[in-house]
C-alpha cells in the first residue's frame, strides 16, 4: 500500500479538513468526529466538558490495574490560519510526500497516529496489564491549557501515569521541556514637558534599564541543560508614552522567560524582582510593578530510566532500524503541564512532523512520519500495557 493510502495518513487528512482554530474557532466539530470514530471500536468513550462548547474526548481500554496507566494525549486545537498560504489550509493536499494544512504538524498528524495506535491495540484483543487511555484535548494552544488540566482533575492522569503528547518531535524522543513563564512589567514615572525633563521621571528610561538588567541577569544564570541549553528571555512587547514632547509617565513590557530544570517559578519571580530593583535604582523616583500573565508552567524533565522513555527508545530502534535521538523541547505541551502538576517522571513528547513547521504558513507533515509514528506508538503500547 502506498503511504498516502494508509489509514493514518487518510485520517490526518480528514482531521485537517475540520477547522479547529483557537481562539477564533472551537474544537467542537473535530471532537464530534473523533468521538464517532472511537465509538466504532466498541470501547468506553466519553465527552468531558471543559467549558461550554468545549470538551475532551477520552477513550479507555481497561487493563488489570488502572494505574500506572499509559496515556496518549493529543490536542485538537490549532493556531489560526493566518495569511499568505500558497496551499489551501484545509484542503489537506499531498505534494511530494508532504501533507499540507493548518495543524498538519501541530498536531493532527499526531492525533491520527495516536488514534490508529489505540485502534490497533483494541483490535489485537490482547489482555492488558494496565489501562490504556487516549485523550483528544482542547485548549493546548491557549494560555491556560484547560484540556490537560481537566484530564488531571478527572483522574485520567496522576503521578504514576506514563504520558506521551504526540507533538511534532521529528520522531525524536523529547524528554525535557523548558518552562515558559510570561510577565507584564509596568514602570511608573512622572510626566512633564520635554523642554523641562528635569521636572519629570522617565518611565521608558526605567523600563530600558530594567530590561537591560533582566537580560544580563538571565545571561549570567549558572544553569545549562544537555538537551535544552541555557535559560532565555525575550522581550515580546513594549509600549509606553503619550506624545513625543512629553516625558512618559508609564511604560509596559511583556516578557517571555524560558526556564530549565532545576529552576522554579519562584526563581523566575526573583529574577524579575531583581531586574526591577536595578531599573528603578538607576532612575531615582521611579517605581514598577509586575504580574504573571500565564498559569505556572515550570520546566520538566522525565527520568532517564523511566520505563516509558526506555520503551519508546526501543520501539524507535525496532521500527526504524536507527538509534533513537533524544532532544529537549523549548516549548510546552500537554505532557509538560501534566508532569508539572502531578510530578510524574514519565511524561514526554513524541510524534510526527517537525516543530519548525508548527504555527507556520504552508504548514506540513511528512506522510512517512505519520506511519512511522503510528508503528512506534503501537510498539510502545505493546511494551507497556501487554
Protein backbone atom coordinates (compact mmCIF):
# COMPACT_ATOMS: atom_id res chain seq x y z
CA UNK A 1 0.00 0.00 0.00
CA UNK A 2 1.29 3.47 -0.88
CA UNK A 3 1.86 5.71 2.12
CA UNK A 4 -0.77 8.22 1.00
CA UNK A 5 -3.38 5.45 1.15
CA UNK A 6 -2.56 4.37 4.70
CA UNK A 7 -5.22 4.68 7.39
CA UNK A 8 -3.18 7.11 9.48
CA UNK A 9 -2.49 9.44 6.56
CA UNK A 10 -6.10 9.41 5.38
CA UNK A 11 -7.25 10.07 8.95
CA UNK A 12 -4.86 13.01 9.20
CA UNK A 13 -6.39 14.45 6.03
CA UNK A 14 -9.89 14.12 7.45
CA UNK A 15 -8.85 15.87 10.65
CA UNK A 16 -7.16 18.75 8.80
CA UNK A 17 -10.33 19.35 6.80
CA UNK A 18 -12.17 20.15 10.05
CA UNK A 19 -11.12 23.65 11.22
CA UNK A 20 -10.37 23.86 14.94
CA UNK A 21 -8.63 27.21 15.33
CA UNK A 22 -8.03 28.58 18.81
CA UNK A 23 -9.13 31.22 19.76
CA UNK A 24 -11.10 32.16 16.64
CA UNK A 25 -12.97 28.83 16.43
CA UNK A 26 -13.69 25.79 18.58
CA UNK A 27 -12.81 22.12 18.77
CA UNK A 28 -16.47 21.04 18.79
CA UNK A 29 -16.71 19.71 15.22
CA UNK A 30 -13.43 17.80 15.31
CA UNK A 31 -14.33 16.48 18.75
CA UNK A 32 -17.59 15.06 17.39
CA UNK A 33 -15.68 13.40 14.54
CA UNK A 34 -13.17 11.78 16.89
CA UNK A 35 -15.92 10.69 19.28
CA UNK A 36 -17.81 8.90 16.49
CA UNK A 37 -14.61 7.33 15.13
CA UNK A 38 -13.67 5.91 18.52
CA UNK A 39 -17.21 4.72 19.24
CA UNK A 40 -16.92 2.33 16.31
CA UNK A 41 -14.22 0.45 18.24
CA UNK A 42 -16.75 -0.60 20.90
CA UNK A 43 -14.71 0.76 23.78
CA UNK A 44 -15.59 3.18 26.55
CA UNK A 45 -15.61 6.69 25.08
CA UNK A 46 -16.61 9.88 26.87
CA UNK A 47 -17.12 13.54 26.11
CA UNK A 48 -15.95 15.50 29.12
CA UNK A 49 -16.98 19.15 29.12
CA UNK A 50 -14.13 21.50 29.92
CA UNK A 51 -16.21 24.62 29.39
CA UNK A 52 -19.41 25.31 27.42
CA UNK A 53 -19.00 24.09 23.84
CA UNK A 54 -15.56 22.59 24.50
CA UNK A 55 -14.94 19.01 25.56
CA UNK A 56 -12.15 16.48 25.78
CA UNK A 57 -12.68 13.08 24.19
CA UNK A 58 -11.46 10.20 26.36
CA UNK A 59 -11.31 6.55 25.26
CA UNK A 60 -10.37 3.81 27.71
CA UNK A 61 -9.18 0.27 27.12
CA UNK A 62 -9.17 -1.32 30.59
CA UNK A 63 -6.34 -3.43 31.96
CA UNK A 64 -5.92 -5.47 35.11
CA UNK A 65 -4.92 -2.31 37.01
CA UNK A 66 -5.91 1.30 36.49
CA UNK A 67 -2.57 2.81 37.47
CA UNK A 68 0.07 3.08 36.28
CA UNK A 69 -1.73 3.65 33.01
CA UNK A 70 -0.48 4.54 29.54
CA UNK A 71 -1.93 7.79 28.20
CA UNK A 72 -1.60 9.14 24.67
CA UNK A 73 -2.79 12.75 24.69
CA UNK A 74 -3.17 14.84 21.54
CA UNK A 75 -4.69 18.31 21.30
CA UNK A 76 -7.40 19.06 18.77
CA UNK A 77 -6.96 22.83 18.57
CA UNK A 78 -4.66 24.67 16.19
CA UNK A 79 -3.50 28.25 15.95
CA UNK A 80 -5.40 30.47 13.46
CA UNK A 81 -4.51 30.01 9.79
CA UNK A 82 -3.06 33.48 9.23
CA UNK A 83 -2.38 34.91 5.78
CA UNK A 84 -0.05 34.16 2.88
CA UNK A 85 -0.75 30.48 2.26
CA UNK A 86 0.08 29.03 -1.16
CA UNK A 87 -1.69 25.76 -0.27
CA UNK A 88 -5.33 25.93 0.80
CA UNK A 89 -5.07 25.48 4.59
CA UNK A 90 -7.95 23.00 4.93
CA UNK A 91 -7.56 21.06 1.67
CA UNK A 92 -5.09 18.52 3.14
CA UNK A 93 -3.33 18.05 -0.18
CA UNK A 94 -0.28 15.81 -0.53
CA UNK A 95 2.61 17.02 -2.70
CA UNK A 96 6.00 15.30 -2.88
CA UNK A 97 5.39 13.34 0.29
CA UNK A 98 4.25 16.35 2.31
CA UNK A 99 0.73 16.69 3.70
CA UNK A 100 -0.18 20.39 3.87
CA UNK A 101 -2.71 22.15 6.06
CA UNK A 102 -3.20 24.08 9.26
CA UNK A 103 -2.47 21.72 12.11
CA UNK A 104 -0.87 19.07 9.92
CA UNK A 105 2.30 19.06 12.05
CA UNK A 106 0.90 20.68 15.18
CA UNK A 107 -0.69 18.31 15.60
CA UNK A 108 -3.31 16.47 13.60
CA UNK A 109 -0.70 14.06 12.29
CA UNK A 110 0.00 13.23 15.93
CA UNK A 111 -3.71 12.92 16.73
CA UNK A 112 -4.16 10.45 13.87
CA UNK A 113 -1.04 8.45 14.75
CA UNK A 114 -2.23 8.06 18.35
CA UNK A 115 -5.77 7.12 17.28
CA UNK A 116 -4.53 4.44 14.90
CA UNK A 117 -2.14 3.04 17.52
CA UNK A 118 -5.01 2.91 20.03
CA UNK A 119 -7.23 1.16 17.46
CA UNK A 120 -4.57 -1.46 16.76
CA UNK A 121 -4.29 -2.35 20.44
CA UNK A 122 -8.08 -2.60 20.67
CA UNK A 123 -8.26 -4.89 17.64
CA UNK A 124 -5.42 -7.07 18.90
CA UNK A 125 -7.84 -8.41 21.56
CA UNK A 126 -4.85 -8.90 23.85
CA UNK A 127 -5.30 -8.89 27.59
CA UNK A 128 -3.90 -5.68 29.07
CA UNK A 129 -1.91 -5.42 32.28
CA UNK A 130 -2.60 -1.69 32.58
CA UNK A 131 -5.27 0.73 31.39
CA UNK A 132 -4.60 2.32 28.01
CA UNK A 133 -6.12 5.78 27.57
CA UNK A 134 -6.42 8.04 24.54
CA UNK A 135 -7.29 11.69 25.16
CA UNK A 136 -8.09 14.27 22.48
CA UNK A 137 -7.76 17.53 24.38
CA UNK A 138 -8.90 21.12 23.97
CA UNK A 139 -7.07 24.39 24.55
CA UNK A 140 -3.46 23.26 24.38
CA UNK A 141 -2.77 26.36 22.31
CA UNK A 142 -4.47 28.54 24.93
CA UNK A 143 -2.91 30.35 27.86
CA UNK A 144 -4.44 28.00 30.43
CA UNK A 145 -4.16 24.56 28.75
CA UNK A 146 -7.62 23.75 30.09
CA UNK A 147 -7.95 20.33 28.45
CA UNK A 148 -4.89 18.83 30.10
CA UNK A 149 -5.80 20.33 33.47
CA UNK A 150 -9.27 18.78 33.14
CA UNK A 151 -7.69 15.38 32.44
CA UNK A 152 -5.80 15.69 35.73
CA UNK A 153 -8.87 16.88 37.64
CA UNK A 154 -10.96 13.99 36.29
CA UNK A 155 -8.38 11.42 37.36
CA UNK A 156 -7.20 10.18 33.98
CA UNK A 157 -3.59 11.01 34.80
CA UNK A 158 -1.65 11.04 38.05
CA UNK A 159 1.92 10.73 39.30
CA UNK A 160 2.16 7.10 38.18
CA UNK A 161 0.90 7.68 34.62
CA UNK A 162 3.04 7.14 31.53
CA UNK A 163 2.14 10.07 29.26
CA UNK A 164 3.04 10.79 25.63
CA UNK A 165 1.91 14.01 23.99
CA UNK A 166 2.12 13.12 20.30
CA UNK A 167 3.54 16.51 19.34
CA UNK A 168 5.78 17.11 16.30
CA UNK A 169 9.15 15.93 17.60
CA UNK A 170 10.62 14.83 14.28
CA UNK A 171 10.35 11.28 15.67
CA UNK A 172 12.94 12.16 18.32
CA UNK A 173 12.24 11.42 21.98
CA UNK A 174 11.68 14.71 23.78
CA UNK A 175 12.18 14.08 27.49
CA UNK A 176 12.80 17.66 28.64
CA UNK A 177 10.70 20.79 28.22
CA UNK A 178 11.54 24.38 29.02
CA UNK A 179 9.10 26.22 31.27
CA UNK A 180 7.69 29.30 29.50
CA UNK A 181 6.67 31.97 32.01
CA UNK A 182 5.25 35.29 30.84
CA UNK A 183 5.29 38.51 32.86
CA UNK A 184 3.98 42.02 32.38
CA UNK A 185 6.16 44.74 33.86
CA UNK A 186 4.83 48.29 34.31
CA UNK A 187 7.20 51.12 35.14
CA UNK A 188 5.85 54.35 36.64
CA UNK A 189 7.33 57.82 36.40
CA UNK A 190 6.10 61.40 36.23
CA UNK A 191 5.01 63.36 33.18
CA UNK A 192 6.50 66.73 32.31
CA UNK A 193 7.16 68.91 29.28
CA UNK A 194 10.07 67.58 27.27
CA UNK A 195 11.55 71.08 27.38
CA UNK A 196 11.89 70.63 31.15
CA UNK A 197 12.64 66.92 31.55
CA UNK A 198 14.25 67.58 34.93
CA UNK A 199 10.76 68.02 36.36
CA UNK A 200 9.65 64.60 35.16
CA UNK A 201 10.60 60.96 35.75
CA UNK A 202 11.06 58.95 32.56
CA UNK A 203 9.20 55.62 32.83
CA UNK A 204 10.57 54.43 29.49
CA UNK A 205 14.11 55.05 30.74
CA UNK A 206 13.26 52.98 33.81
CA UNK A 207 11.95 50.20 31.59
CA UNK A 208 15.07 50.28 29.43
CA UNK A 209 17.29 49.95 32.48
CA UNK A 210 15.09 47.18 33.87
CA UNK A 211 15.12 45.15 30.68
CA UNK A 212 18.87 45.62 30.23
CA UNK A 213 19.37 44.33 33.76
CA UNK A 214 16.97 41.45 33.10
CA UNK A 215 18.90 40.34 30.02
CA UNK A 216 22.18 40.43 31.94
CA UNK A 217 20.78 38.53 34.93
CA UNK A 218 19.44 35.73 32.73
CA UNK A 219 22.66 35.60 30.72
CA UNK A 220 24.68 35.10 33.91
CA UNK A 221 22.48 32.34 35.38
CA UNK A 222 24.58 29.27 36.29
CA UNK A 223 22.26 26.76 34.61
CA UNK A 224 22.64 24.70 31.45
CA UNK A 225 20.89 21.51 30.35
CA UNK A 226 22.39 18.95 27.97
CA UNK A 227 19.13 18.83 25.98
CA UNK A 228 17.74 22.33 26.41
CA UNK A 229 20.76 24.55 26.68
CA UNK A 230 20.51 27.71 28.77
CA UNK A 231 17.50 29.63 30.08
CA UNK A 232 16.44 32.53 27.86
CA UNK A 233 14.44 35.75 28.00
CA UNK A 234 12.63 37.51 25.16
CA UNK A 235 11.09 40.98 25.30
CA UNK A 236 7.95 40.26 23.32
CA UNK A 237 6.10 43.57 23.62
CA UNK A 238 6.90 47.08 24.80
CA UNK A 239 4.77 50.20 24.66
CA UNK A 240 4.55 53.49 26.52
CA UNK A 241 4.42 57.25 26.38
CA UNK A 242 1.73 59.53 25.03
CA UNK A 243 3.41 62.18 22.89
CA UNK A 244 6.89 62.86 21.60
CA UNK A 245 7.31 66.06 23.66
CA UNK A 246 6.09 64.65 26.98
CA UNK A 247 8.29 62.79 29.47
CA UNK A 248 6.49 59.41 29.71
CA UNK A 249 4.78 58.57 32.98
CA UNK A 250 4.22 54.89 32.22
CA UNK A 251 5.69 52.06 30.18
CA UNK A 252 4.60 48.44 29.82
CA UNK A 253 6.52 45.41 28.61
CA UNK A 254 5.68 41.74 28.26
CA UNK A 255 8.49 39.24 28.63
CA UNK A 256 8.92 35.54 27.95
CA UNK A 257 11.23 33.65 30.33
CA UNK A 258 12.15 30.07 29.39
CA UNK A 259 13.30 28.10 32.42
CA UNK A 260 15.21 24.83 32.67
CA UNK A 261 15.45 22.28 35.48
CA UNK A 262 16.16 22.89 38.38
CA UNK A 263 14.70 26.41 38.09
CA UNK A 264 11.31 27.15 39.62
CA UNK A 265 8.52 29.68 39.20
CA UNK A 266 9.74 31.31 42.42
CA UNK A 267 13.16 31.69 40.78
CA UNK A 268 11.59 33.45 37.81
CA UNK A 269 9.78 35.90 40.09
CA UNK A 270 13.01 36.62 41.92
CA UNK A 271 14.76 37.33 38.60
CA UNK A 272 12.10 39.86 37.60
CA UNK A 273 12.15 41.49 41.03
CA UNK A 274 15.93 41.85 40.89
CA UNK A 275 15.79 43.41 37.43
CA UNK A 276 13.12 45.90 38.54
CA UNK A 277 15.18 46.80 41.59
CA UNK A 278 18.15 47.56 39.33
CA UNK A 279 15.99 49.58 36.94
CA UNK A 280 14.37 51.88 39.50
CA UNK A 281 17.70 52.35 41.27
CA UNK A 282 19.12 53.80 38.07
CA UNK A 283 16.17 56.20 37.63
CA UNK A 284 15.54 57.82 41.04
CA UNK A 285 11.90 58.45 41.87
CA UNK A 286 10.53 55.82 39.54
CA UNK A 287 8.69 52.66 40.56
CA UNK A 288 7.47 49.46 38.95
CA UNK A 289 5.02 46.60 39.36
CA UNK A 290 4.74 43.22 37.65
CA UNK A 291 2.36 40.29 37.29
CA UNK A 292 2.41 36.84 35.73
CA UNK A 293 0.35 36.52 32.56
CA UNK A 294 0.23 32.71 32.35
CA UNK A 295 -0.55 29.81 34.61
CA UNK A 296 2.52 28.36 36.30
CA UNK A 297 4.45 26.31 33.74
CA UNK A 298 7.71 25.14 35.30
CA UNK A 299 10.37 23.22 33.35
CA UNK A 300 10.14 19.43 33.41
CA UNK A 301 12.42 16.51 32.65
CA UNK A 302 11.50 12.82 32.51
CA UNK A 303 13.64 10.29 34.33
CA UNK A 304 16.33 8.72 32.13
CA UNK A 305 15.38 5.28 33.47
CA UNK A 306 11.63 5.77 33.06
CA UNK A 307 10.07 2.58 31.61
CA UNK A 308 8.23 4.82 29.16
CA UNK A 309 11.39 6.53 27.91
CA UNK A 310 13.15 3.17 27.56
CA UNK A 311 10.16 1.62 25.76
CA UNK A 312 9.84 4.45 23.25
CA UNK A 313 13.59 4.34 22.58
CA UNK A 314 13.48 0.58 21.98
CA UNK A 315 10.43 0.98 19.73
CA UNK A 316 12.12 3.67 17.63
CA UNK A 317 15.10 1.38 17.06
CA UNK A 318 12.91 -1.62 16.23
CA UNK A 319 10.68 0.22 13.75
CA UNK A 320 13.24 2.49 12.08
CA UNK A 321 16.41 0.46 12.48
CA UNK A 322 18.13 3.58 13.81
CA UNK A 323 19.36 4.57 17.24
CA UNK A 324 16.84 6.84 19.00
CA UNK A 325 17.66 10.52 19.26
CA UNK A 326 16.88 12.45 22.44
CA UNK A 327 16.09 16.15 22.43
CA UNK A 328 14.57 18.86 24.55
CA UNK A 329 11.56 20.99 23.61
CA UNK A 330 11.88 24.75 24.15
CA UNK A 331 8.07 25.00 24.28
CA UNK A 332 5.31 23.47 26.46
CA UNK A 333 2.86 20.62 25.78
CA UNK A 334 0.02 18.78 27.49
CA UNK A 335 2.65 16.31 28.72
CA UNK A 336 4.60 19.18 30.29
CA UNK A 337 1.69 20.57 32.28
CA UNK A 338 0.69 17.07 33.38
CA UNK A 339 4.23 16.40 34.60
CA UNK A 340 4.35 19.75 36.38
CA UNK A 341 1.03 19.27 38.17
CA UNK A 342 1.32 15.56 39.02
CA UNK A 343 5.12 15.31 39.43
CA UNK A 344 5.13 12.29 37.15
CA UNK A 345 8.66 11.46 35.93
CA UNK A 346 7.19 9.62 32.92
CA UNK A 347 5.91 12.41 30.63
CA UNK A 348 7.41 13.01 27.18
CA UNK A 349 6.61 14.35 23.72
CA UNK A 350 6.96 12.19 20.64
CA UNK A 351 5.28 12.35 17.27
CA UNK A 352 5.34 13.01 13.52
CA UNK A 353 6.38 16.26 11.89
CA UNK A 354 8.89 18.92 12.79
CA UNK A 355 8.50 21.63 15.42
CA UNK A 356 9.84 24.13 12.88
CA UNK A 357 6.57 23.68 10.95
CA UNK A 358 4.34 24.46 13.93
CA UNK A 359 2.29 27.66 13.54
CA UNK A 360 3.83 28.43 10.13
CA UNK A 361 2.33 29.39 6.79
CA UNK A 362 2.10 26.35 4.46
CA UNK A 363 2.48 24.03 7.43
CA UNK A 364 3.08 20.40 6.51
CA UNK A 365 3.89 16.97 7.93
CA UNK A 366 5.88 14.31 6.04
CA UNK A 367 3.47 11.46 5.40
CA UNK A 368 6.26 8.96 6.12
CA UNK A 369 6.42 10.35 9.66
CA UNK A 370 2.73 9.70 10.27
CA UNK A 371 3.02 5.99 9.51
CA UNK A 372 6.29 5.58 11.39
CA UNK A 373 4.82 7.34 14.42
CA UNK A 374 1.76 5.06 14.31
CA UNK A 375 4.01 1.99 14.27
CA UNK A 376 6.29 3.27 17.04
CA UNK A 377 3.35 4.26 19.25
CA UNK A 378 1.78 0.85 18.67
CA UNK A 379 5.02 -0.92 19.58
CA UNK A 380 5.40 1.25 22.69
CA UNK A 381 1.89 0.38 23.84
CA UNK A 382 2.60 -3.32 23.38
CA UNK A 383 5.67 -2.98 25.61
CA UNK A 384 3.91 -1.01 28.34
CA UNK A 385 0.41 -2.46 28.70
CA UNK A 386 0.64 -6.01 27.38
